[in-house]
Amino acid sequence: MSHILNLKKFSFLVFGLGTTGCSVVKYFKKKNFYNYSVWDDNITLRKKFKRKIITNLSKSFEKVDFIVLSPGISLNKTKYKKKLIKYRKKIITDIDLLYLTNENFKSIVVTGSNGKSTTCKIIAHLLKKNKFAVKLGGNIGTPVLNLKIKKNIFVVIETSSFQLSHSKFIHANYAILLNITNDHLDWHGTMQNYIKSKLKIFNLQNKNDFALINNKLKKIFYEKKYLGKLVSLKSNSYKKIKKNIKNDYLKSNINDQNMNFVFSLSKILKIKDKNFVNAMNTFIGLAHRYEIFLKKKNITFINDSKATSFESSKAALSSNKNIFWIVGGLPKEKDKIDLKNIRRNIIKSYIIGKNINYFKKQLNNKVNFSITKNLKNSIVEVLKDVRLFKKDCSIVLFSPAAASFDQFRNFEIRGNKFKKLCKSYAKKNI
């Protein structure tokens, strides 16, 4: 940023005291700044900040200069909708604060419906292995304000549509938009709003910045007349170098789109092909994202619990054959299962969760399936079916194509449960 905000000249309301909100408060304290107040509907959370809790929320909206809004709060759903919309110009995010209070760093900002976390992790790994000073944060787990920002450091930031929806000051030196599919429409209201939030990563770019965008979305970029240098993604270039990568996780076709972006970025940063390959061969994938965690005899077990939409599951289903697919959970709004061109890869499906009728309807007459209701039953039946399967190799794939909240608190707990059950039953039955 060309202009750094002097915190002491302004007042703030931290609205929402989850992980992000607490990181903002911690950051203010670190800066010896105390002209802020806080609010959360959760009484338990409010008790932790007694001295900073406001008594009149309406007046606070009016008086403060900035409202740092939690990314989990949708303007379309909150009971404070009217007030927040009225003072919308005041709303910023924790990522905005990073840019408003720091300078002399380079940022690589990644967004998209699918693949954000994996892409960010690969980029950070690539830079680290090539002696770049780098920090990784954002939606991937570490709030950006918890990062130590030094001169000339590269900050890799994963941004969700929730964060971008409220952001105003993100200046991405390297902006990456992976893809856009139907997702989070319950939060954004319309697909148009969802797309608009994703495109914000290009808003403040200048002619010296780089924009890496899915080829299918180039038209939008040109229409908006963004100033960043548009980088053409040449998949053939990555396919050529992919032959030299020995990492099983990255050799899978599931990561080709992510890797195309990473390789294009490596060329911009003038990283030699040899060094790119060396870095990729030492990369370890993220848990719950196409995680190959167990191989026993001719069976490979894959935990893809992070796949909370069919579009996410489609990549895993397209990358393998002889798949025994465990699917189910809380489907995303307007999500549909389209198995065209990939149904031949699926031997059988096993439906879990509380939305059985939805998945039954989606899979009917497309693939053979059983209703197993929960993970334990699924694994018991899967292992019986796998033993009867005559092919050399088979895949047990847990890629639910749905959120976890019908049976599990989050996708991590769901994925860990799957892995634990597989290891236990495979030990006894294979």
Protein backbone atom coordinates (compact mmCIF):
# COMPACT_ATOMS: atom_id res chain seq x y z
CA MET A 1 0.00 0.00 0.00
CA SER A 2 1.24 3.49 -0.77
CA HIS A 3 -0.47 4.85 2.32
CA ILE A 4 -0.18 3.21 5.71
CA LEU A 5 -3.00 3.74 8.17
CA ASN A 6 -2.12 5.41 11.46
CA LEU A 7 -4.29 3.32 13.79
CA LYS A 8 -4.31 5.92 16.55
CA LYS A 9 -6.26 8.33 14.38
CA PHE A 10 -9.22 5.96 14.01
CA SER A 11 -11.71 3.93 16.00
CA PHE A 12 -12.79 0.35 15.34
CA LEU A 13 -15.59 -2.07 16.13
CA VAL A 14 -14.56 -5.75 15.96
CA PHE A 15 -17.81 -7.46 15.03
CA GLY A 16 -17.61 -11.22 15.62
CA LEU A 17 -15.24 -12.89 18.10
CA GLY A 18 -14.37 -16.17 16.45
CA THR A 19 -10.82 -17.06 15.39
CA THR A 20 -10.52 -14.07 13.05
CA GLY A 21 -12.05 -11.53 15.43
CA CYS A 22 -9.78 -12.63 18.26
CA SER A 23 -6.75 -12.30 15.98
CA VAL A 24 -7.75 -8.68 15.29
CA VAL A 25 -7.96 -7.91 19.01
CA LYS A 26 -4.59 -9.58 19.57
CA TYR A 27 -3.10 -7.52 16.73
CA PHE A 28 -4.41 -4.27 18.17
CA LYS A 29 -2.86 -5.09 21.54
CA LYS A 30 0.43 -5.91 19.85
CA LYS A 31 0.33 -2.47 18.22
CA ASN A 32 -0.50 -0.85 21.60
CA PHE A 33 -3.77 0.33 20.14
CA TYR A 34 -6.84 0.35 22.36
CA ASN A 35 -9.41 2.56 20.62
CA TYR A 36 -11.63 -0.36 19.70
CA SER A 37 -14.75 -2.09 20.99
CA VAL A 38 -16.03 -5.62 20.35
CA TRP A 39 -19.30 -7.44 19.83
CA ASP A 40 -20.51 -11.00 19.42
CA ASP A 41 -23.99 -12.48 19.81
CA ASN A 42 -22.46 -15.33 21.82
CA ILE A 43 -22.63 -14.41 25.51
CA THR A 44 -19.76 -16.76 26.42
CA LEU A 45 -17.44 -15.06 23.93
CA ARG A 46 -18.52 -11.60 25.12
CA LYS A 47 -17.55 -12.44 28.70
CA LYS A 48 -13.92 -12.79 27.62
CA PHE A 49 -13.88 -9.14 26.53
CA LYS A 50 -15.88 -7.46 29.33
CA ARG A 51 -14.00 -4.17 29.21
CA LYS A 52 -14.43 -3.76 25.46
CA ILE A 53 -18.05 -4.90 25.07
CA ILE A 54 -20.34 -2.10 23.94
CA THR A 55 -23.71 -1.37 25.51
CA ASN A 56 -25.30 0.37 22.53
CA LEU A 57 -24.56 -1.41 19.24
CA SER A 58 -26.49 1.05 17.06
CA LYS A 59 -24.53 4.05 18.35
CA SER A 60 -21.27 2.17 17.89
CA PHE A 61 -22.05 1.54 14.21
CA GLU A 62 -22.54 5.26 13.82
CA LYS A 63 -19.54 6.50 15.80
CA VAL A 64 -16.68 4.20 14.75
CA ASP A 65 -14.54 4.75 11.66
CA PHE A 66 -14.22 1.07 10.74
CA ILE A 67 -16.19 -2.11 11.40
CA VAL A 68 -13.94 -5.19 11.22
CA LEU A 69 -16.49 -7.83 10.27
CA SER A 70 -16.04 -11.55 10.82
CA PRO A 71 -15.97 -13.50 7.52
CA GLY A 72 -18.61 -15.84 8.90
CA ILE A 73 -21.26 -13.10 9.04
CA SER A 74 -23.46 -12.78 5.95
CA LEU A 75 -25.12 -9.42 5.41
CA ASN A 76 -28.08 -11.34 3.94
CA LYS A 77 -28.67 -13.40 7.07
CA THR A 78 -27.66 -11.43 10.14
CA LYS A 79 -30.32 -9.76 12.28
CA TYR A 80 -28.20 -6.60 12.02
CA LYS A 81 -28.64 -6.57 8.23
CA LYS A 82 -30.18 -3.10 7.94
CA LYS A 83 -27.57 -1.44 10.15
CA LEU A 84 -24.61 -3.17 8.52
CA ILE A 85 -25.86 -2.34 5.03
CA LYS A 86 -26.39 1.29 6.10
CA TYR A 87 -22.76 1.50 7.26
CA ARG A 88 -21.36 -0.82 4.60
CA LYS A 89 -18.67 1.65 3.60
CA LYS A 90 -17.12 1.27 7.04
CA ILE A 91 -16.83 -2.52 6.83
CA ILE A 92 -13.35 -4.01 6.37
CA THR A 93 -11.69 -7.37 7.10
CA ASP A 94 -8.63 -8.61 8.92
CA ILE A 95 -6.93 -8.98 5.52
CA ASP A 96 -7.63 -5.30 4.83
CA LEU A 97 -5.91 -4.43 8.11
CA LEU A 98 -2.85 -6.38 7.00
CA TYR A 99 -2.51 -4.14 3.94
CA LEU A 100 -3.48 -0.94 5.75
CA THR A 101 -0.86 -1.35 8.47
CA ASN A 102 2.08 -3.00 6.68
CA GLU A 103 4.22 -2.20 3.65
CA ASN A 104 7.21 -3.55 1.74
CA PHE A 105 5.85 -7.08 1.40
CA LYS A 106 4.70 -9.02 -1.65
CA SER A 107 1.39 -10.87 -1.58
CA ILE A 108 0.20 -13.89 -3.52
CA VAL A 109 -3.58 -14.04 -3.09
CA VAL A 110 -5.40 -17.24 -4.05
CA THR A 111 -9.15 -17.77 -4.34
CA GLY A 112 -11.55 -20.11 -6.11
CA SER A 113 -14.34 -22.55 -5.33
CA ASN A 114 -12.02 -25.56 -5.13
CA GLY A 115 -8.33 -26.20 -4.59
CA LYS A 116 -7.40 -23.02 -2.69
CA SER A 117 -5.71 -24.59 0.33
CA THR A 118 -3.71 -27.12 -1.66
CA THR A 119 -2.54 -24.48 -4.14
CA CYS A 120 -1.49 -22.11 -1.35
CA LYS A 121 0.41 -24.86 0.45
CA ILE A 122 2.22 -25.87 -2.74
CA ILE A 123 3.16 -22.25 -3.51
CA ALA A 124 4.48 -21.66 0.00
CA HIS A 125 6.49 -24.88 -0.19
CA LEU A 126 7.90 -23.94 -3.60
CA LEU A 127 9.02 -20.52 -2.41
CA LYS A 128 10.53 -21.84 0.81
CA LYS A 129 12.52 -24.51 -1.04
CA ASN A 130 13.84 -21.82 -3.37
CA LYS A 131 15.09 -19.57 -0.56
CA PHE A 132 12.26 -17.00 -0.64
CA ALA A 133 11.17 -15.55 2.70
CA VAL A 134 7.55 -16.64 2.91
CA LYS A 135 4.54 -16.75 5.26
CA LEU A 136 1.26 -18.60 4.71
CA GLY A 137 -2.08 -17.55 6.18
CA GLY A 138 -5.70 -16.58 5.69
CA ASN A 139 -8.55 -19.00 5.21
CA ILE A 140 -6.11 -21.93 5.32
CA GLY A 141 -6.05 -21.75 9.11
CA THR A 142 -3.69 -19.04 10.38
CA PRO A 143 -5.23 -15.55 10.48
CA VAL A 144 -3.09 -13.13 8.47
CA LEU A 145 -2.70 -10.76 11.42
CA ASN A 146 -0.95 -13.55 13.34
CA LEU A 147 1.86 -13.55 10.76
CA LYS A 148 5.14 -11.72 11.35
CA ILE A 149 5.55 -9.42 8.37
CA LYS A 150 9.10 -8.43 7.46
CA LYS A 151 10.54 -6.38 4.62
CA ASN A 152 10.54 -8.14 1.21
CA ILE A 153 8.68 -11.18 2.54
CA PHE A 154 6.18 -13.05 0.36
CA VAL A 155 2.81 -13.58 2.03
CA VAL A 156 0.67 -16.34 0.52
CA ILE A 157 -2.97 -15.66 1.41
CA GLU A 158 -5.90 -18.00 0.91
CA THR A 159 -9.09 -15.96 0.64
CA SER A 160 -12.62 -17.25 0.81
CA SER A 161 -15.58 -15.58 -0.88
CA PHE A 162 -16.77 -14.65 2.63
CA GLN A 163 -13.60 -12.67 3.31
CA LEU A 164 -13.53 -11.09 -0.12
CA SER A 165 -17.16 -10.06 0.07
CA HIS A 166 -16.34 -7.54 2.83
CA SER A 167 -12.81 -6.60 1.73
CA LYS A 168 -11.85 -3.23 0.25
CA PHE A 169 -8.06 -2.87 0.45
CA ILE A 170 -6.54 -6.12 -0.85
CA HIS A 171 -3.67 -5.34 -3.18
CA ALA A 172 -2.49 -8.64 -4.65
CA ASN A 173 0.88 -8.48 -6.39
CA TYR A 174 0.04 -11.92 -7.74
CA ALA A 175 -3.68 -12.70 -7.87
CA ILE A 176 -4.82 -16.26 -8.62
CA LEU A 177 -8.42 -17.19 -9.42
CA LEU A 178 -8.56 -20.98 -9.78
CA ASN A 179 -12.20 -21.60 -10.69
CA ILE A 180 -15.79 -20.63 -9.92
CA THR A 181 -18.59 -23.17 -9.39
CA ASN A 182 -21.97 -23.05 -7.63
CA ASP A 183 -21.03 -22.71 -3.97
CA HIS A 184 -22.08 -20.79 -0.87
CA LEU A 185 -25.16 -19.41 -2.61
CA ASP A 186 -27.04 -19.59 0.69
CA TRP A 187 -24.50 -17.08 2.05
CA HIS A 188 -24.14 -14.79 -0.98
CA GLY A 189 -27.74 -14.88 -2.13
CA THR A 190 -26.99 -15.05 -5.87
CA MET A 191 -24.33 -16.46 -8.18
CA GLN A 192 -23.66 -12.92 -9.37
CA ASN A 193 -22.76 -11.82 -5.84
CA TYR A 194 -20.52 -14.87 -5.43
CA ILE A 195 -18.63 -14.13 -8.65
CA LYS A 196 -18.34 -10.45 -7.74
CA SER A 197 -16.69 -11.34 -4.42
CA LYS A 198 -14.13 -13.61 -6.12
CA LEU A 199 -13.17 -10.94 -8.66
CA LYS A 200 -12.22 -8.51 -5.89
CA ILE A 201 -8.68 -9.88 -5.86
CA PHE A 202 -8.11 -7.99 -9.14
CA ASN A 203 -9.70 -4.69 -8.06
CA LEU A 204 -6.63 -2.87 -6.74
CA GLN A 205 -3.99 -4.38 -8.97
CA ASN A 206 -1.83 -2.09 -11.08
CA LYS A 207 0.13 -2.58 -14.31
CA ASN A 208 3.07 -4.08 -12.39
CA ASP A 209 0.97 -6.84 -10.80
CA PHE A 210 0.10 -10.24 -12.25
CA ALA A 211 -3.31 -11.86 -12.69
CA LEU A 212 -3.47 -15.63 -13.12
CA ILE A 213 -6.96 -16.73 -14.06
CA ASN A 214 -8.67 -19.87 -15.26
CA ASN A 215 -8.88 -19.68 -19.07
CA LYS A 216 -12.68 -20.09 -18.91
CA LEU A 217 -12.92 -16.84 -16.93
CA LYS A 218 -10.71 -14.65 -19.12
CA LYS A 219 -13.72 -13.00 -20.74
CA ILE A 220 -14.85 -11.54 -17.41
CA PHE A 221 -11.36 -10.19 -16.77
CA TYR A 222 -11.29 -8.38 -20.10
CA GLU A 223 -14.81 -7.00 -19.63
CA LYS A 224 -13.90 -5.47 -16.28
CA LYS A 225 -10.73 -3.88 -17.73
CA TYR A 226 -8.55 -4.79 -14.76
CA LEU A 227 -5.04 -3.33 -14.76
CA GLY A 228 -3.01 -6.41 -13.78
CA LYS A 229 -0.92 -8.30 -16.33
CA LEU A 230 -3.03 -11.25 -17.45
CA VAL A 231 -0.97 -14.44 -17.53
CA SER A 232 -1.98 -17.06 -20.05
CA LEU A 233 -1.99 -20.52 -18.46
CA LYS A 234 -0.41 -23.04 -20.80
CA SER A 235 -1.34 -26.51 -19.60
CA ASN A 236 1.00 -28.10 -22.14
CA SER A 237 3.96 -26.47 -20.43
CA TYR A 238 3.09 -28.09 -17.12
CA LYS A 239 2.30 -31.47 -18.71
CA LYS A 240 5.84 -31.56 -20.12
CA ILE A 241 7.49 -30.91 -16.77
CA LYS A 242 5.03 -33.17 -14.90
CA LYS A 243 6.82 -36.17 -16.41
CA ASN A 244 9.79 -35.38 -14.16
CA ILE A 245 7.76 -35.22 -10.93
CA LYS A 246 7.96 -38.43 -8.87
CA ASN A 247 5.59 -37.36 -6.06
CA ASP A 248 2.56 -39.72 -6.10
CA TYR A 249 0.28 -37.00 -4.71
CA LEU A 250 1.12 -34.54 -7.49
CA LYS A 251 1.35 -37.12 -10.26
CA SER A 252 -2.39 -37.69 -9.89
CA ASN A 253 -4.50 -35.82 -12.43
CA ILE A 254 -6.56 -34.41 -9.54
CA ASN A 255 -3.94 -31.71 -8.98
CA ASP A 256 -3.27 -30.76 -12.60
CA GLN A 257 -5.27 -27.53 -12.50
CA ASN A 258 -3.63 -26.37 -9.25
CA MET A 259 -0.20 -27.30 -10.56
CA ASN A 260 -0.73 -25.43 -13.81
CA PHE A 261 -1.20 -22.24 -11.79
CA VAL A 262 1.79 -22.97 -9.56
CA PHE A 263 4.05 -23.70 -12.52
CA SER A 264 2.94 -20.49 -14.28
CA LEU A 265 3.74 -18.54 -11.11
CA SER A 266 7.15 -20.20 -10.90
CA LYS A 267 7.97 -18.90 -14.40
CA ILE A 268 6.98 -15.35 -13.38
CA LEU A 269 9.24 -15.63 -10.32
CA LYS A 270 12.04 -17.00 -12.55
CA ILE A 271 12.37 -20.27 -10.66
CA LYS A 272 14.33 -22.77 -12.75
CA ASP A 273 12.48 -25.89 -13.93
CA LYS A 274 14.98 -28.11 -12.15
CA ASN A 275 14.36 -26.31 -8.85
CA PHE A 276 10.60 -26.47 -9.41
CA VAL A 277 10.71 -30.24 -9.84
CA ASN A 278 12.97 -30.72 -6.82
CA ALA A 279 10.55 -28.72 -4.65
CA MET A 280 7.51 -30.65 -5.90
CA ASN A 281 9.14 -34.00 -5.16
CA THR A 282 9.37 -33.09 -1.47
CA PHE A 283 5.83 -31.73 -1.11
CA ILE A 284 3.45 -33.47 1.31
CA GLY A 285 -0.25 -32.98 0.60
CA LEU A 286 -2.82 -31.61 3.04
CA ALA A 287 -4.91 -33.91 5.19
CA HIS A 288 -8.46 -34.65 3.98
CA ARG A 289 -7.70 -33.47 0.45
CA TYR A 290 -7.21 -36.53 -1.73
CA GLU A 291 -5.13 -37.97 1.11
CA ILE A 292 -3.71 -41.40 0.25
CA PHE A 293 -3.29 -42.67 3.80
CA LEU A 294 -3.34 -46.47 3.46
CA LYS A 295 -2.34 -49.06 0.88
CA LYS A 296 -2.96 -52.72 1.64
CA LYS A 297 -2.42 -55.45 -0.90
CA ASN A 298 -4.19 -54.22 -4.02
CA ILE A 299 -6.42 -51.66 -2.28
CA THR A 300 -5.72 -47.92 -1.97
CA PHE A 301 -7.67 -45.91 0.62
CA ILE A 302 -8.19 -42.19 -0.08
CA ASN A 303 -9.59 -39.63 2.35
CA ASP A 304 -11.12 -36.71 0.45
CA SER A 305 -13.39 -35.45 3.25
CA LYS A 306 -12.78 -31.81 2.25
CA ALA A 307 -14.83 -32.43 -0.91
CA THR A 308 -18.03 -30.68 0.15
CA SER A 309 -19.55 -30.31 -3.32
CA PHE A 310 -19.83 -32.61 -6.30
CA GLU A 311 -17.44 -30.41 -8.29
CA SER A 312 -14.79 -31.15 -5.64
CA SER A 313 -15.51 -34.90 -5.75
CA LYS A 314 -15.52 -34.95 -9.53
CA ALA A 315 -11.77 -34.43 -9.69
CA ALA A 316 -11.11 -37.53 -7.55
CA LEU A 317 -13.66 -39.59 -9.46
CA SER A 318 -12.08 -38.57 -12.77
CA SER A 319 -8.56 -39.47 -11.68
CA ASN A 320 -9.09 -43.15 -10.83
CA LYS A 321 -10.71 -46.38 -11.98
CA ASN A 322 -12.28 -49.27 -10.03
CA ILE A 323 -13.63 -46.88 -7.39
CA PHE A 324 -15.72 -47.88 -4.40
CA TRP A 325 -17.17 -44.46 -3.57
CA ILE A 326 -18.54 -43.42 -0.17
CA VAL A 327 -20.76 -40.35 -0.62
CA GLY A 328 -23.25 -38.32 1.39
CA GLY A 329 -23.81 -35.57 3.93
CA LEU A 330 -25.40 -32.15 3.69
CA PRO A 331 -25.53 -31.19 -0.02
CA LYS A 332 -24.80 -27.65 -1.17
CA GLU A 333 -27.70 -25.58 -2.46
CA LYS A 334 -28.43 -26.26 -6.17
CA ASP A 335 -25.63 -28.84 -6.32
CA LYS A 336 -26.14 -31.71 -8.77
CA ILE A 337 -24.27 -34.95 -9.33
CA ASP A 338 -23.31 -35.32 -12.97
CA LEU A 339 -21.51 -38.60 -13.62
CA LYS A 340 -21.30 -38.23 -17.38
CA ASN A 341 -17.95 -39.56 -18.65
CA ILE A 342 -16.90 -40.78 -15.17
CA ARG A 343 -19.57 -43.33 -14.23
CA ARG A 344 -17.43 -46.07 -15.78
CA ASN A 345 -14.80 -45.37 -13.10
CA ILE A 346 -17.23 -46.23 -10.26
CA ILE A 347 -17.84 -49.85 -9.32
CA LYS A 348 -20.28 -49.05 -6.53
CA SER A 349 -21.39 -46.18 -4.28
CA TYR A 350 -22.31 -46.20 -0.59
CA ILE A 351 -24.67 -43.49 0.67
CA ILE A 352 -24.26 -42.11 4.20
CA GLY A 353 -25.82 -39.25 6.16
CA LYS A 354 -29.26 -37.83 6.78
CA ASN A 355 -29.98 -36.81 3.17
CA ILE A 356 -30.26 -40.31 1.70
CA ASN A 357 -33.24 -39.51 -0.54
CA TYR A 358 -31.34 -36.69 -2.23
CA PHE A 359 -28.33 -38.87 -3.05
CA LYS A 360 -30.50 -41.84 -3.96
CA LYS A 361 -32.30 -39.68 -6.51
CA GLN A 362 -29.02 -38.28 -7.83
CA LEU A 363 -27.37 -41.70 -8.26
CA ASN A 364 -30.39 -43.73 -9.39
CA ASN A 365 -29.89 -45.40 -12.79
CA LYS A 366 -26.37 -43.98 -12.97
CA VAL A 367 -24.31 -46.27 -10.74
CA ASN A 368 -24.85 -49.27 -8.49
CA PHE A 369 -25.29 -48.12 -4.87
CA SER A 370 -26.12 -49.23 -1.32
CA ILE A 371 -27.63 -47.22 1.52
CA THR A 372 -25.23 -47.65 4.44
CA LYS A 373 -26.23 -44.59 6.54
CA ASN A 374 -22.90 -44.18 8.35
CA LEU A 375 -19.16 -44.58 7.82
CA LYS A 376 -18.82 -47.76 9.88
CA ASN A 377 -21.47 -49.61 7.89
CA SER A 378 -19.96 -48.31 4.65
CA ILE A 379 -16.50 -49.60 5.38
CA VAL A 380 -17.78 -53.02 6.46
CA GLU A 381 -19.71 -53.37 3.21
CA VAL A 382 -16.96 -51.86 1.07
CA LEU A 383 -14.41 -54.38 2.30
CA LYS A 384 -16.78 -57.27 1.57
CA ASP A 385 -17.32 -55.97 -1.97
CA VAL A 386 -13.63 -55.27 -2.57
CA ARG A 387 -12.71 -58.85 -1.64
CA LEU A 388 -15.11 -60.11 -4.32
CA PHE A 389 -13.74 -57.71 -6.91
CA LYS A 390 -11.54 -59.51 -9.41
CA LYS A 391 -9.43 -56.61 -10.74
CA ASP A 392 -5.81 -56.10 -9.80
CA CYS A 393 -6.27 -52.72 -8.12
CA SER A 394 -9.18 -50.97 -6.47
CA ILE A 395 -9.77 -47.59 -4.80
CA VAL A 396 -11.78 -47.00 -1.64
CA LEU A 397 -12.64 -43.33 -1.99
CA PHE A 398 -14.33 -41.22 0.67
CA SER A 399 -15.27 -38.09 -1.25
CA PRO A 400 -18.66 -37.10 0.20
CA ALA A 401 -19.64 -34.33 -2.26
CA ALA A 402 -21.42 -32.68 0.66
CA ALA A 403 -20.81 -30.81 3.89
CA SER A 404 -20.35 -32.71 7.14
CA PHE A 405 -22.79 -30.95 9.43
CA ASP A 406 -25.55 -33.58 9.31
CA GLN A 407 -23.34 -36.07 11.20
CA PHE A 408 -20.04 -34.33 12.07
CA ARG A 409 -18.98 -30.94 13.40
CA ASN A 410 -16.53 -30.41 10.52
CA PHE A 411 -14.82 -32.17 7.63
CA GLU A 412 -11.65 -32.79 9.69
CA ILE A 413 -13.49 -34.87 12.30
CA ARG A 414 -15.32 -36.70 9.51
CA GLY A 415 -12.07 -37.47 7.67
CA ASN A 416 -10.27 -38.63 10.80
CA LYS A 417 -13.17 -40.95 11.64
CA PHE A 418 -12.96 -42.47 8.16
CA LYS A 419 -9.21 -43.04 8.45
CA LYS A 420 -9.47 -44.59 11.90
CA LEU A 421 -12.21 -47.01 10.82
CA CYS A 422 -10.37 -48.00 7.64
CA LYS A 423 -7.14 -48.77 9.47
CA SER A 424 -9.00 -50.79 12.09
CA TYR A 425 -11.18 -52.86 9.73
CA ALA A 426 -8.51 -53.27 7.04
CA LYS A 427 -6.16 -54.77 9.61
CA LYS A 428 -8.73 -57.43 10.46
CA ASN A 429 -10.34 -58.08 7.09
CA ILE A 430 -7.69 -57.77 4.38
